[in-house]
Amino acid sequence: MKRIAMLFAIAVMFVGASYSAQKSATFSGDIMDSACAKGGAHNPSMGTSAQCTLACVKAGSKFVLYDGATKTVYQLDDQKKPVAFAGAKVKVTGTYDDATKTIHVTDIKAAS
């Protein structure tokens, strides 16, 4: 029993250490919806980039960050902060989870 408790304590320490090792980073790109980001562009018949993004999210898509330079789509764990930046170029600050390809958002600012 002591051995199991010891192994559990060690496992908890390693998980805690790996979690705390994640560092905040800044990611640049466009706030898009997941449907349009798959193709790398908005549907022009839906209006502006912002209108298209908001309409697609209303229809069930999720907000994502799309980096056009690398054609990378980052999932965003916060689906409220991106509303104000729909269709805009931004800088997202947060920690990145490589396993789920998700940014745990701490801040979003308009790109300068």
PDB file of N, CA and C in Angstrom:
ATOM      1  N   MET A   1       0.821  -1.196   0.000  1.00  0.00           N
ATOM      2  CA  MET A   1       0.000   0.000   0.000  1.00  0.00           C
ATOM      3  C   MET A   1       0.864   1.258   0.000  1.00  0.00           C
ATOM      4  N   LYS A   2       1.955   1.229   0.782  1.00  0.00           N
ATOM      5  CA  LYS A   2       2.855   2.377   0.825  1.00  0.00           C
ATOM      6  C   LYS A   2       3.495   2.610  -0.541  1.00  0.00           C
ATOM      7  N   ARG A   3       3.790   1.522  -1.225  1.00  0.00           N
ATOM      8  CA  ARG A   3       4.409   1.625  -2.541  1.00  0.00           C
ATOM      9  C   ARG A   3       3.476   2.321  -3.533  1.00  0.00           C
ATOM     10  N   ILE A   4       2.199   1.969  -3.502  1.00  0.00           N
ATOM     11  CA  ILE A   4       1.217   2.589  -4.395  1.00  0.00           C
ATOM     12  C   ILE A   4       1.086   4.077  -4.070  1.00  0.00           C
ATOM     13  N   ALA A   5       1.032   4.397  -2.791  1.00  0.00           N
ATOM     14  CA  ALA A   5       0.928   5.805  -2.387  1.00  0.00           C
ATOM     15  C   ALA A   5       2.158   6.581  -2.842  1.00  0.00           C
ATOM     16  N   MET A   6       3.329   5.981  -2.737  1.00  0.00           N
ATOM     17  CA  MET A   6       4.572   6.633  -3.160  1.00  0.00           C
ATOM     18  C   MET A   6       4.570   6.868  -4.665  1.00  0.00           C
ATOM     19  N   LEU A   7       4.154   5.867  -5.440  1.00  0.00           N
ATOM     20  CA  LEU A   7       4.096   6.007  -6.899  1.00  0.00           C
ATOM     21  C   LEU A   7       3.108   7.097  -7.299  1.00  0.00           C
ATOM     22  N   PHE A   8       1.975   7.141  -6.610  1.00  0.00           N
ATOM     23  CA  PHE A   8       0.968   8.160  -6.895  1.00  0.00           C
ATOM     24  C   PHE A   8       1.532   9.551  -6.611  1.00  0.00           C
ATOM     25  N   ALA A   9       2.234   9.723  -5.502  1.00  0.00           N
ATOM     26  CA  ALA A   9       2.820  11.014  -5.147  1.00  0.00           C
ATOM     27  C   ALA A   9       3.845  11.451  -6.181  1.00  0.00           C
ATOM     28  N   ILE A  10       4.651  10.515  -6.655  1.00  0.00           N
ATOM     29  CA  ILE A  10       5.650  10.838  -7.671  1.00  0.00           C
ATOM     30  C   ILE A  10       4.968  11.253  -8.974  1.00  0.00           C
ATOM     31  N   ALA A  11       3.933  10.532  -9.348  1.00  0.00           N
ATOM     32  CA  ALA A  11       3.202  10.855 -10.576  1.00  0.00           C
ATOM     33  C   ALA A  11       2.596  12.254 -10.500  1.00  0.00           C
ATOM     34  N   VAL A  12       2.044  12.601  -9.356  1.00  0.00           N
ATOM     35  CA  VAL A  12       1.449  13.927  -9.177  1.00  0.00           C
ATOM     36  C   VAL A  12       2.517  15.011  -9.301  1.00  0.00           C
ATOM     37  N   MET A  13       3.696  14.754  -8.752  1.00  0.00           N
ATOM     38  CA  MET A  13       4.787  15.736  -8.859  1.00  0.00           C
ATOM     39  C   MET A  13       5.187  15.960 -10.307  1.00  0.00           C
ATOM     40  N   PHE A  14       5.293  14.875 -11.094  1.00  0.00           N
ATOM     41  CA  PHE A  14       5.692  15.011 -12.491  1.00  0.00           C
ATOM     42  C   PHE A  14       4.623  15.727 -13.303  1.00  0.00           C
ATOM     43  N   VAL A  15       3.372  15.439 -13.065  1.00  0.00           N
ATOM     44  CA  VAL A  15       2.289  16.107 -13.784  1.00  0.00           C
ATOM     45  C   VAL A  15       2.295  17.590 -13.438  1.00  0.00           C
ATOM     46  N   GLY A  16       2.445  17.902 -12.172  1.00  0.00           N
ATOM     47  CA  GLY A  16       2.500  19.303 -11.752  1.00  0.00           C
ATOM     48  C   GLY A  16       3.670  20.031 -12.358  1.00  0.00           C
ATOM     49  N   ALA A  17       4.820  19.381 -12.410  1.00  0.00           N
ATOM     50  CA  ALA A  17       6.012  20.004 -12.976  1.00  0.00           C
ATOM     51  C   ALA A  17       5.848  20.249 -14.466  1.00  0.00           C
ATOM     52  N   SER A  18       5.276  19.302 -15.192  1.00  0.00           N
ATOM     53  CA  SER A  18       5.109  19.486 -16.633  1.00  0.00           C
ATOM     54  C   SER A  18       4.056  20.544 -16.920  1.00  0.00           C
ATOM     55  N   TYR A  19       3.035  20.639 -16.094  1.00  0.00           N
ATOM     56  CA  TYR A  19       2.005  21.646 -16.296  1.00  0.00           C
ATOM     57  C   TYR A  19       2.565  23.041 -16.049  1.00  0.00           C
ATOM     58  N   SER A  20       3.331  23.181 -14.989  1.00  0.00           N
ATOM     59  CA  SER A  20       3.874  24.497 -14.677  1.00  0.00           C
ATOM     60  C   SER A  20       4.977  24.898 -15.649  1.00  0.00           C
ATOM     61  N   ALA A  21       5.522  23.943 -16.393  1.00  0.00           N
ATOM     62  CA  ALA A  21       6.593  24.238 -17.339  1.00  0.00           C
ATOM     63  C   ALA A  21       6.073  24.943 -18.594  1.00  0.00           C
ATOM     64  N   GLN A  22       4.766  24.894 -18.838  1.00  0.00           N
ATOM     65  CA  GLN A  22       4.221  25.572 -20.005  1.00  0.00           C
ATOM     66  C   GLN A  22       4.396  27.070 -19.829  1.00  0.00           C
ATOM     67  N   LYS A  23       4.880  27.719 -20.875  1.00  0.00           N
ATOM     68  CA  LYS A  23       5.113  29.151 -20.806  1.00  0.00           C
ATOM     69  C   LYS A  23       4.152  29.864 -21.734  1.00  0.00           C
ATOM     70  N   SER A  24       3.800  31.043 -21.330  1.00  0.00           N
ATOM     71  CA  SER A  24       2.919  31.863 -22.139  1.00  0.00           C
ATOM     72  C   SER A  24       3.644  32.287 -23.415  1.00  0.00           C
ATOM     73  N   ALA A  25       2.919  32.310 -24.510  1.00  0.00           N
ATOM     74  CA  ALA A  25       3.471  32.698 -25.799  1.00  0.00           C
ATOM     75  C   ALA A  25       2.447  33.570 -26.520  1.00  0.00           C
ATOM     76  N   THR A  26       2.906  34.253 -27.562  1.00  0.00           N
ATOM     77  CA  THR A  26       2.010  35.075 -28.370  1.00  0.00           C
ATOM     78  C   THR A  26       1.930  34.494 -29.773  1.00  0.00           C
ATOM     79  N   PHE A  27       0.710  34.367 -30.271  1.00  0.00           N
ATOM     80  CA  PHE A  27       0.431  33.791 -31.584  1.00  0.00           C
ATOM     81  C   PHE A  27      -0.267  34.858 -32.417  1.00  0.00           C
ATOM     82  N   SER A  28       0.120  34.979 -33.679  1.00  0.00           N
ATOM     83  CA  SER A  28      -0.482  35.981 -34.569  1.00  0.00           C
ATOM     84  C   SER A  28      -1.296  35.309 -35.658  1.00  0.00           C
ATOM     85  N   GLY A  29      -2.349  35.992 -36.078  1.00  0.00           N
ATOM     86  CA  GLY A  29      -3.172  35.476 -37.158  1.00  0.00           C
ATOM     87  C   GLY A  29      -4.510  36.182 -37.202  1.00  0.00           C
ATOM     88  N   ASP A  30      -5.481  35.533 -37.831  1.00  0.00           N
ATOM     89  CA  ASP A  30      -6.824  36.086 -37.973  1.00  0.00           C
ATOM     90  C   ASP A  30      -7.802  35.276 -37.135  1.00  0.00           C
ATOM     91  N   ILE A  31      -8.731  35.976 -36.487  1.00  0.00           N
ATOM     92  CA  ILE A  31      -9.816  35.269 -35.804  1.00  0.00           C
ATOM     93  C   ILE A  31     -10.818  34.873 -36.878  1.00  0.00           C
ATOM     94  N   MET A  32     -10.962  33.578 -37.059  1.00  0.00           N
ATOM     95  CA  MET A  32     -11.884  33.025 -38.058  1.00  0.00           C
ATOM     96  C   MET A  32     -12.772  31.994 -37.385  1.00  0.00           C
ATOM     97  N   ASP A  33     -13.663  31.445 -38.156  1.00  0.00           N
ATOM     98  CA  ASP A  33     -14.462  30.316 -37.689  1.00  0.00           C
ATOM     99  C   ASP A  33     -13.802  29.041 -38.204  1.00  0.00           C
ATOM    100  N   SER A  34     -14.039  27.952 -37.514  1.00  0.00           N
ATOM    101  CA  SER A  34     -13.368  26.694 -37.849  1.00  0.00           C
ATOM    102  C   SER A  34     -13.718  26.194 -39.250  1.00  0.00           C
ATOM    103  N   ALA A  35     -14.928  26.444 -39.721  1.00  0.00           N
ATOM    104  CA  ALA A  35     -15.330  25.969 -41.053  1.00  0.00           C
ATOM    105  C   ALA A  35     -14.536  26.684 -42.155  1.00  0.00           C
ATOM    106  N   CYS A  36     -14.459  28.007 -42.084  1.00  0.00           N
ATOM    107  CA  CYS A  36     -13.737  28.768 -43.113  1.00  0.00           C
ATOM    108  C   CYS A  36     -12.226  28.577 -43.000  1.00  0.00           C
ATOM    109  N   ALA A  37     -11.738  28.388 -41.784  1.00  0.00           N
ATOM    110  CA  ALA A  37     -10.294  28.216 -41.585  1.00  0.00           C
ATOM    111  C   ALA A  37      -9.790  26.945 -42.256  1.00  0.00           C
ATOM    112  N   LYS A  38     -10.637  25.939 -42.381  1.00  0.00           N
ATOM    113  CA  LYS A  38     -10.219  24.701 -43.064  1.00  0.00           C
ATOM    114  C   LYS A  38      -9.809  24.988 -44.496  1.00  0.00           C
ATOM    115  N   GLY A  39     -10.511  25.921 -45.140  1.00  0.00           N
ATOM    116  CA  GLY A  39     -10.195  26.289 -46.515  1.00  0.00           C
ATOM    117  C   GLY A  39      -9.262  27.475 -46.618  1.00  0.00           C
ATOM    118  N   GLY A  40      -9.001  28.132 -45.499  1.00  0.00           N
ATOM    119  CA  GLY A  40      -8.080  29.254 -45.482  1.00  0.00           C
ATOM    120  C   GLY A  40      -8.665  30.571 -45.958  1.00  0.00           C
ATOM    121  N   ALA A  41      -9.988  30.637 -46.144  1.00  0.00           N
ATOM    122  CA  ALA A  41     -10.601  31.885 -46.621  1.00  0.00           C
ATOM    123  C   ALA A  41     -12.072  31.941 -46.232  1.00  0.00           C
ATOM    124  N   HIS A  42     -12.572  33.157 -46.158  1.00  0.00           N
ATOM    125  CA  HIS A  42     -13.994  33.364 -45.871  1.00  0.00           C
ATOM    126  C   HIS A  42     -14.803  33.223 -47.157  1.00  0.00           C
ATOM    127  N   ASN A  43     -16.086  33.003 -46.994  1.00  0.00           N
ATOM    128  CA  ASN A  43     -17.009  32.934 -48.123  1.00  0.00           C
ATOM    129  C   ASN A  43     -17.412  34.367 -48.478  1.00  0.00           C
ATOM    130  N   PRO A  44     -17.010  34.867 -49.651  1.00  0.00           N
ATOM    131  CA  PRO A  44     -17.310  36.263 -50.009  1.00  0.00           C
ATOM    132  C   PRO A  44     -18.805  36.581 -50.050  1.00  0.00           C
ATOM    133  N   SER A  45     -19.637  35.603 -50.291  1.00  0.00           N
ATOM    134  CA  SER A  45     -21.083  35.863 -50.355  1.00  0.00           C
ATOM    135  C   SER A  45     -21.677  36.109 -48.967  1.00  0.00           C
ATOM    136  N   MET A  46     -20.879  35.915 -47.917  1.00  0.00           N
ATOM    137  CA  MET A  46     -21.366  36.106 -46.546  1.00  0.00           C
ATOM    138  C   MET A  46     -21.070  37.519 -46.027  1.00  0.00           C
ATOM    139  N   GLY A  47     -20.535  38.395 -46.880  1.00  0.00           N
ATOM    140  CA  GLY A  47     -20.231  39.766 -46.460  1.00  0.00           C
ATOM    141  C   GLY A  47     -18.777  39.910 -46.067  1.00  0.00           C
ATOM    142  N   THR A  48     -18.516  40.757 -45.087  1.00  0.00           N
ATOM    143  CA  THR A  48     -17.148  41.002 -44.629  1.00  0.00           C
ATOM    144  C   THR A  48     -16.618  39.773 -43.882  1.00  0.00           C
ATOM    145  N   SER A  49     -15.337  39.800 -43.604  1.00  0.00           N
ATOM    146  CA  SER A  49     -14.729  38.713 -42.834  1.00  0.00           C
ATOM    147  C   SER A  49     -15.400  38.577 -41.472  1.00  0.00           C
ATOM    148  N   ALA A  50     -15.676  39.709 -40.844  1.00  0.00           N
ATOM    149  CA  ALA A  50     -16.333  39.690 -39.536  1.00  0.00           C
ATOM    150  C   ALA A  50     -17.741  39.113 -39.640  1.00  0.00           C
ATOM    151  N   GLN A  51     -18.495  39.526 -40.645  1.00  0.00           N
ATOM    152  CA  GLN A  51     -19.868  39.021 -40.817  1.00  0.00           C
ATOM    153  C   GLN A  51     -19.859  37.514 -41.076  1.00  0.00           C
ATOM    154  N   CYS A  52     -18.953  37.071 -41.913  1.00  0.00           N
ATOM    155  CA  CYS A  52     -18.858  35.649 -42.234  1.00  0.00           C
ATOM    156  C   CYS A  52     -18.507  34.845 -40.986  1.00  0.00           C
ATOM    157  N   THR A  53     -17.494  35.315 -40.244  1.00  0.00           N
ATOM    158  CA  THR A  53     -17.072  34.606 -39.038  1.00  0.00           C
ATOM    159  C   THR A  53     -18.216  34.496 -38.037  1.00  0.00           C
ATOM    160  N   LEU A  54     -18.887  35.606 -37.780  1.00  0.00           N
ATOM    161  CA  LEU A  54     -19.977  35.594 -36.798  1.00  0.00           C
ATOM    162  C   LEU A  54     -21.143  34.721 -37.253  1.00  0.00           C
ATOM    163  N   ALA A  55     -21.459  34.756 -38.544  1.00  0.00           N
ATOM    164  CA  ALA A  55     -22.550  33.924 -39.066  1.00  0.00           C
ATOM    165  C   ALA A  55     -22.209  32.444 -38.950  1.00  0.00           C
ATOM    166  N   CYS A  56     -20.975  32.096 -39.267  1.00  0.00           N
ATOM    167  CA  CYS A  56     -20.574  30.685 -39.194  1.00  0.00           C
ATOM    168  C   CYS A  56     -20.530  30.188 -37.750  1.00  0.00           C
ATOM    169  N   VAL A  57     -20.092  31.052 -36.831  1.00  0.00           N
ATOM    170  CA  VAL A  57     -20.078  30.666 -35.413  1.00  0.00           C
ATOM    171  C   VAL A  57     -21.508  30.495 -34.918  1.00  0.00           C
ATOM    172  N   LYS A  58     -22.382  31.384 -35.346  1.00  0.00           N
ATOM    173  CA  LYS A  58     -23.796  31.274 -34.956  1.00  0.00           C
ATOM    174  C   LYS A  58     -24.391  29.968 -35.479  1.00  0.00           C
ATOM    175  N   ALA A  59     -23.885  29.501 -36.630  1.00  0.00           N
ATOM    176  CA  ALA A  59     -24.382  28.259 -37.239  1.00  0.00           C
ATOM    177  C   ALA A  59     -23.717  27.008 -36.641  1.00  0.00           C
ATOM    178  N   GLY A  60     -22.762  27.197 -35.711  1.00  0.00           N
ATOM    179  CA  GLY A  60     -22.181  26.029 -35.048  1.00  0.00           C
ATOM    180  C   GLY A  60     -20.675  25.883 -35.112  1.00  0.00           C
ATOM    181  N   SER A  61     -20.008  26.701 -35.911  1.00  0.00           N
ATOM    182  CA  SER A  61     -18.540  26.653 -35.952  1.00  0.00           C
ATOM    183  C   SER A  61     -17.976  27.241 -34.658  1.00  0.00           C
ATOM    184  N   LYS A  62     -16.702  27.041 -34.451  1.00  0.00           N
ATOM    185  CA  LYS A  62     -16.005  27.592 -33.286  1.00  0.00           C
ATOM    186  C   LYS A  62     -15.024  28.659 -33.749  1.00  0.00           C
ATOM    187  N   PHE A  63     -14.747  29.633 -32.872  1.00  0.00           N
ATOM    188  CA  PHE A  63     -13.709  30.612 -33.156  1.00  0.00           C
ATOM    189  C   PHE A  63     -12.359  29.917 -33.113  1.00  0.00           C
ATOM    190  N   VAL A  64     -11.489  30.243 -34.070  1.00  0.00           N
ATOM    191  CA  VAL A  64     -10.133  29.716 -34.122  1.00  0.00           C
ATOM    192  C   VAL A  64      -9.200  30.861 -34.494  1.00  0.00           C
ATOM    193  N   LEU A  65      -7.909  30.627 -34.308  1.00  0.00           N
ATOM    194  CA  LEU A  65      -6.896  31.554 -34.804  1.00  0.00           C
ATOM    195  C   LEU A  65      -6.276  30.908 -36.023  1.00  0.00           C
ATOM    196  N   TYR A  66      -6.294  31.619 -37.143  1.00  0.00           N
ATOM    197  CA  TYR A  66      -5.727  31.097 -38.389  1.00  0.00           C
ATOM    198  C   TYR A  66      -4.478  31.885 -38.742  1.00  0.00           C
ATOM    199  N   ASP A  67      -3.359  31.190 -38.827  1.00  0.00           N
ATOM    200  CA  ASP A  67      -2.096  31.801 -39.235  1.00  0.00           C
ATOM    201  C   ASP A  67      -1.927  31.526 -40.723  1.00  0.00           C
ATOM    202  N   GLY A  68      -2.203  32.536 -41.549  1.00  0.00           N
ATOM    203  CA  GLY A  68      -2.137  32.381 -42.997  1.00  0.00           C
ATOM    204  C   GLY A  68      -0.738  32.092 -43.520  1.00  0.00           C
ATOM    205  N   ALA A  69       0.289  32.579 -42.819  1.00  0.00           N
ATOM    206  CA  ALA A  69       1.670  32.365 -43.265  1.00  0.00           C
ATOM    207  C   ALA A  69       2.052  30.887 -43.200  1.00  0.00           C
ATOM    208  N   THR A  70       1.592  30.204 -42.160  1.00  0.00           N
ATOM    209  CA  THR A  70       1.928  28.778 -41.993  1.00  0.00           C
ATOM    210  C   THR A  70       0.740  27.866 -42.295  1.00  0.00           C
ATOM    211  N   LYS A  71      -0.411  28.485 -42.579  1.00  0.00           N
ATOM    212  CA  LYS A  71      -1.659  27.751 -42.813  1.00  0.00           C
ATOM    213  C   LYS A  71      -2.001  26.837 -41.640  1.00  0.00           C
ATOM    214  N   THR A  72      -1.768  27.369 -40.425  1.00  0.00           N
ATOM    215  CA  THR A  72      -2.026  26.626 -39.197  1.00  0.00           C
ATOM    216  C   THR A  72      -3.303  27.132 -38.551  1.00  0.00           C
ATOM    217  N   VAL A  73      -4.132  26.200 -38.090  1.00  0.00           N
ATOM    218  CA  VAL A  73      -5.362  26.530 -37.374  1.00  0.00           C
ATOM    219  C   VAL A  73      -5.158  26.168 -35.912  1.00  0.00           C
ATOM    220  N   TYR A  74      -5.332  27.150 -35.043  1.00  0.00           N
ATOM    221  CA  TYR A  74      -5.230  26.928 -33.601  1.00  0.00           C
ATOM    222  C   TYR A  74      -6.627  26.994 -32.995  1.00  0.00           C
ATOM    223  N   GLN A  75      -7.009  25.977 -32.258  1.00  0.00           N
ATOM    224  CA  GLN A  75      -8.271  26.005 -31.529  1.00  0.00           C
ATOM    225  C   GLN A  75      -8.112  26.999 -30.379  1.00  0.00           C
ATOM    226  N   LEU A  76      -9.179  27.650 -29.988  1.00  0.00           N
ATOM    227  CA  LEU A  76      -9.160  28.589 -28.872  1.00  0.00           C
ATOM    228  C   LEU A  76     -10.086  28.071 -27.779  1.00  0.00           C
ATOM    229  N   ASP A  77      -9.586  27.960 -26.554  1.00  0.00           N
ATOM    230  CA  ASP A  77     -10.431  27.440 -25.486  1.00  0.00           C
ATOM    231  C   ASP A  77     -11.473  28.454 -25.033  1.00  0.00           C
ATOM    232  N   ASP A  78     -11.187  29.730 -25.187  1.00  0.00           N
ATOM    233  CA  ASP A  78     -12.119  30.790 -24.814  1.00  0.00           C
ATOM    234  C   ASP A  78     -12.912  31.184 -26.053  1.00  0.00           C
ATOM    235  N   GLN A  79     -14.212  31.011 -26.012  1.00  0.00           N
ATOM    236  CA  GLN A  79     -15.056  31.343 -27.154  1.00  0.00           C
ATOM    237  C   GLN A  79     -15.797  32.669 -26.968  1.00  0.00           C
ATOM    238  N   LYS A  80     -15.479  33.401 -25.898  1.00  0.00           N
ATOM    239  CA  LYS A  80     -16.121  34.700 -25.669  1.00  0.00           C
ATOM    240  C   LYS A  80     -15.223  35.868 -26.072  1.00  0.00           C
ATOM    241  N   LYS A  81     -13.947  35.818 -25.716  1.00  0.00           N
ATOM    242  CA  LYS A  81     -13.037  36.911 -26.050  1.00  0.00           C
ATOM    243  C   LYS A  81     -12.922  37.146 -27.553  1.00  0.00           C
ATOM    244  N   PRO A  82     -12.937  36.122 -28.403  1.00  0.00           N
ATOM    245  CA  PRO A  82     -12.773  36.354 -29.841  1.00  0.00           C
ATOM    246  C   PRO A  82     -13.936  37.085 -30.515  1.00  0.00           C
ATOM    247  N   VAL A  83     -15.104  37.142 -29.873  1.00  0.00           N
ATOM    248  CA  VAL A  83     -16.274  37.772 -30.505  1.00  0.00           C
ATOM    249  C   VAL A  83     -15.945  39.188 -30.971  1.00  0.00           C
ATOM    250  N   ALA A  84     -15.290  39.962 -30.140  1.00  0.00           N
ATOM    251  CA  ALA A  84     -14.978  41.358 -30.469  1.00  0.00           C
ATOM    252  C   ALA A  84     -13.948  41.481 -31.588  1.00  0.00           C
ATOM    253  N   PHE A  85     -13.257  40.387 -31.914  1.00  0.00           N
ATOM    254  CA  PHE A  85     -12.196  40.422 -32.912  1.00  0.00           C
ATOM    255  C   PHE A  85     -12.517  39.578 -34.147  1.00  0.00           C
ATOM    256  N   ALA A  86     -13.763  39.200 -34.307  1.00  0.00           N
ATOM    257  CA  ALA A  86     -14.165  38.347 -35.430  1.00  0.00           C
ATOM    258  C   ALA A  86     -13.695  38.937 -36.758  1.00  0.00           C
ATOM    259  N   GLY A  87     -12.952  38.125 -37.535  1.00  0.00           N
ATOM    260  CA  GLY A  87     -12.473  38.541 -38.847  1.00  0.00           C
ATOM    261  C   GLY A  87     -11.260  39.453 -38.830  1.00  0.00           C
ATOM    262  N   ALA A  88     -10.719  39.758 -37.653  1.00  0.00           N
ATOM    263  CA  ALA A  88      -9.608  40.711 -37.555  1.00  0.00           C
ATOM    264  C   ALA A  88      -8.264  40.018 -37.339  1.00  0.00           C
ATOM    265  N   LYS A  89      -7.202  40.738 -37.698  1.00  0.00           N
ATOM    266  CA  LYS A  89      -5.840  40.281 -37.415  1.00  0.00           C
ATOM    267  C   LYS A  89      -5.551  40.596 -35.951  1.00  0.00           C
ATOM    268  N   VAL A  90      -5.042  39.585 -35.234  1.00  0.00           N
ATOM    269  CA  VAL A  90      -4.841  39.722 -33.795  1.00  0.00           C
ATOM    270  C   VAL A  90      -3.536  39.088 -33.334  1.00  0.00           C
ATOM    271  N   LYS A  91      -3.245  39.330 -32.071  1.00  0.00           N
ATOM    272  CA  LYS A  91      -2.181  38.641 -31.352  1.00  0.00           C
ATOM    273  C   LYS A  91      -2.856  38.011 -30.141  1.00  0.00           C
ATOM    274  N   VAL A  92      -2.751  36.698 -30.048  1.00  0.00           N
ATOM    275  CA  VAL A  92      -3.349  35.955 -28.941  1.00  0.00           C
ATOM    276  C   VAL A  92      -2.237  35.519 -28.005  1.00  0.00           C
ATOM    277  N   THR A  93      -2.399  35.820 -26.734  1.00  0.00           N
ATOM    278  CA  THR A  93      -1.439  35.389 -25.724  1.00  0.00           C
ATOM    279  C   THR A  93      -2.064  34.256 -24.926  1.00  0.00           C
ATOM    280  N   GLY A  94      -1.267  33.221 -24.685  1.00  0.00           N
ATOM    281  CA  GLY A  94      -1.744  32.098 -23.907  1.00  0.00           C
ATOM    282  C   GLY A  94      -0.754  30.953 -23.953  1.00  0.00           C
ATOM    283  N   THR A  95      -1.148  29.836 -23.392  1.00  0.00           N
ATOM    284  CA  THR A  95      -0.301  28.643 -23.430  1.00  0.00           C
ATOM    285  C   THR A  95      -0.878  27.688 -24.469  1.00  0.00           C
ATOM    286  N   TYR A  96       0.011  26.998 -25.156  1.00  0.00           N
ATOM    287  CA  TYR A  96      -0.388  26.110 -26.240  1.00  0.00           C
ATOM    288  C   TYR A  96      -0.298  24.659 -25.797  1.00  0.00           C
ATOM    289  N   ASP A  97      -1.384  23.932 -26.016  1.00  0.00           N
ATOM    290  CA  ASP A  97      -1.423  22.500 -25.732  1.00  0.00           C
ATOM    291  C   ASP A  97      -1.235  21.771 -27.059  1.00  0.00           C
ATOM    292  N   ASP A  98      -0.051  21.225 -27.253  1.00  0.00           N
ATOM    293  CA  ASP A  98       0.295  20.563 -28.507  1.00  0.00           C
ATOM    294  C   ASP A  98      -0.583  19.350 -28.786  1.00  0.00           C
ATOM    295  N   ALA A  99      -0.991  18.638 -27.752  1.00  0.00           N
ATOM    296  CA  ALA A  99      -1.794  17.425 -27.924  1.00  0.00           C
ATOM    297  C   ALA A  99      -3.169  17.732 -28.519  1.00  0.00           C
ATOM    298  N   THR A 100      -3.765  18.845 -28.110  1.00  0.00           N
ATOM    299  CA  THR A 100      -5.106  19.188 -28.596  1.00  0.00           C
ATOM    300  C   THR A 100      -5.082  20.334 -29.610  1.00  0.00           C
ATOM    301  N   LYS A 101      -3.877  20.873 -29.878  1.00  0.00           N
ATOM    302  CA  LYS A 101      -3.714  22.011 -30.788  1.00  0.00           C
ATOM    303  C   LYS A 101      -4.586  23.189 -30.366  1.00  0.00           C
ATOM    304  N   THR A 102      -4.612  23.415 -29.044  1.00  0.00           N
ATOM    305  CA  THR A 102      -5.462  24.447 -28.464  1.00  0.00           C
ATOM    306  C   THR A 102      -4.635  25.481 -27.725  1.00  0.00           C
ATOM    307  N   ILE A 103      -4.980  26.752 -27.938  1.00  0.00           N
ATOM    308  CA  ILE A 103      -4.381  27.830 -27.170  1.00  0.00           C
ATOM    309  C   ILE A 103      -5.320  28.107 -26.001  1.00  0.00           C
ATOM    310  N   HIS A 104      -4.771  28.076 -24.801  1.00  0.00           N
ATOM    311  CA  HIS A 104      -5.520  28.456 -23.597  1.00  0.00           C
ATOM    312  C   HIS A 104      -5.337  29.964 -23.469  1.00  0.00           C
ATOM    313  N   VAL A 105      -6.328  30.695 -23.924  1.00  0.00           N
ATOM    314  CA  VAL A 105      -6.258  32.142 -24.122  1.00  0.00           C
ATOM    315  C   VAL A 105      -6.209  32.903 -22.795  1.00  0.00           C
ATOM    316  N   THR A 106      -5.234  33.813 -22.689  1.00  0.00           N
ATOM    317  CA  THR A 106      -5.223  34.745 -21.565  1.00  0.00           C
ATOM    318  C   THR A 106      -5.546  36.157 -22.040  1.00  0.00           C
ATOM    319  N   ASP A 107      -5.215  36.474 -23.309  1.00  0.00           N
ATOM    320  CA  ASP A 107      -5.491  37.804 -23.818  1.00  0.00           C
ATOM    321  C   ASP A 107      -5.529  37.802 -25.348  1.00  0.00           C
ATOM    322  N   ILE A 108      -6.332  38.699 -25.900  1.00  0.00           N
ATOM    323  CA  ILE A 108      -6.379  38.913 -27.353  1.00  0.00           C
ATOM    324  C   ILE A 108      -6.312  40.419 -27.569  1.00  0.00           C
ATOM    325  N   LYS A 109      -5.411  40.818 -28.486  1.00  0.00           N
ATOM    326  CA  LYS A 109      -5.286  42.230 -28.845  1.00  0.00           C
ATOM    327  C   LYS A 109      -5.245  42.352 -30.354  1.00  0.00           C
ATOM    328  N   ALA A 110      -5.741  43.469 -30.855  1.00  0.00           N
ATOM    329  CA  ALA A 110      -5.668  43.741 -32.290  1.00  0.00           C
ATOM    330  C   ALA A 110      -4.190  43.831 -32.694  1.00  0.00           C
ATOM    331  N   ALA A 111      -3.866  43.267 -33.847  1.00  0.00           N
ATOM    332  CA  ALA A 111      -2.487  43.344 -34.347  1.00  0.00           C
ATOM    333  C   ALA A 111      -2.194  44.772 -34.782  1.00  0.00           C
ATOM    334  N   SER A 112      -0.961  45.193 -34.569  1.00  0.00           N
ATOM    335  CA  SER A 112      -0.622  46.569 -34.959  1.00  0.00           C
ATOM    336  C   SER A 112      -0.022  46.606 -36.338  1.00  0.00           C
TER     337      SER A 112
END
